[in-house]
Amino acid sequence: MFFKKVIIEIDGGIHALQIEYDQIREAILMEMGYKIIRFKNEDVLNNWKKLRKI
């Protein structure tokens, strides 16, 4: 069985306050082999039907 290392991040209002932290965290996770997919909070709330096709 094959498992992919995928992390789904939903960026809300607080994201703007912690951009540097998120960049460092993302770099570490990518080094560990994770793929990070980011969505904006507004898109999840307003366009979830479109996003679920991704």
Protein backbone atom coordinates (compact mmCIF):
# COMPACT_ATOMS: atom_id res chain seq x y z
CA MET A 1 0.00 0.00 0.00
CA PHE A 2 1.28 3.47 -0.91
CA PHE A 3 0.67 6.55 1.22
CA LYS A 4 1.56 10.10 0.22
CA LYS A 5 2.60 12.68 2.74
CA VAL A 6 0.13 15.49 2.13
CA ILE A 7 -0.78 18.38 4.40
CA ILE A 8 -3.76 20.62 3.66
CA GLU A 9 -3.46 24.10 5.13
CA ILE A 10 -6.31 26.57 5.39
CA ASP A 11 -5.05 30.13 5.73
CA GLY A 12 -7.29 32.50 7.64
CA GLY A 13 -6.81 35.99 9.03
CA ILE A 14 -4.04 34.99 11.44
CA HIS A 15 -1.88 33.78 8.55
CA ALA A 16 -0.81 37.35 7.78
CA LEU A 17 0.54 37.65 11.33
CA GLN A 18 2.73 34.56 11.14
CA ILE A 19 4.06 34.44 7.58
CA GLU A 20 7.69 33.94 8.64
CA TYR A 21 6.75 31.11 11.02
CA ASP A 22 4.70 29.43 8.30
CA GLN A 23 7.56 29.70 5.79
CA ILE A 24 10.02 28.05 8.18
CA ARG A 25 7.52 25.36 9.14
CA GLU A 26 6.70 24.68 5.50
CA ALA A 27 10.40 24.36 4.57
CA ILE A 28 10.95 21.82 7.36
CA LEU A 29 7.90 19.79 6.37
CA MET A 30 8.94 19.79 2.71
CA GLU A 31 12.40 18.53 3.70
CA MET A 32 10.61 15.69 5.49
CA GLY A 33 8.88 14.78 2.22
CA TYR A 34 5.48 16.39 2.75
CA LYS A 35 3.56 18.14 0.00
CA ILE A 36 1.63 21.14 1.31
CA ILE A 37 -1.55 22.31 -0.36
CA ARG A 38 -2.81 25.73 0.76
CA PHE A 39 -6.28 27.16 0.48
CA LYS A 40 -7.60 30.52 1.60
CA ASN A 41 -10.29 30.41 4.27
CA GLU A 42 -12.65 32.40 2.02
CA ASP A 43 -12.30 29.83 -0.76
CA VAL A 44 -13.10 26.97 1.60
CA LEU A 45 -16.19 28.79 2.85
CA ASN A 46 -17.41 30.14 -0.48
CA ASN A 47 -16.03 27.84 -3.20
CA TRP A 48 -15.81 24.44 -1.51
CA LYS A 49 -17.54 22.66 -4.40
CA LYS A 50 -14.77 23.81 -6.75
CA LEU A 51 -12.01 22.95 -4.25
CA ARG A 52 -13.19 19.41 -3.61
CA LYS A 53 -12.34 18.53 -7.22
CA ILE A 54 -8.66 19.21 -6.57
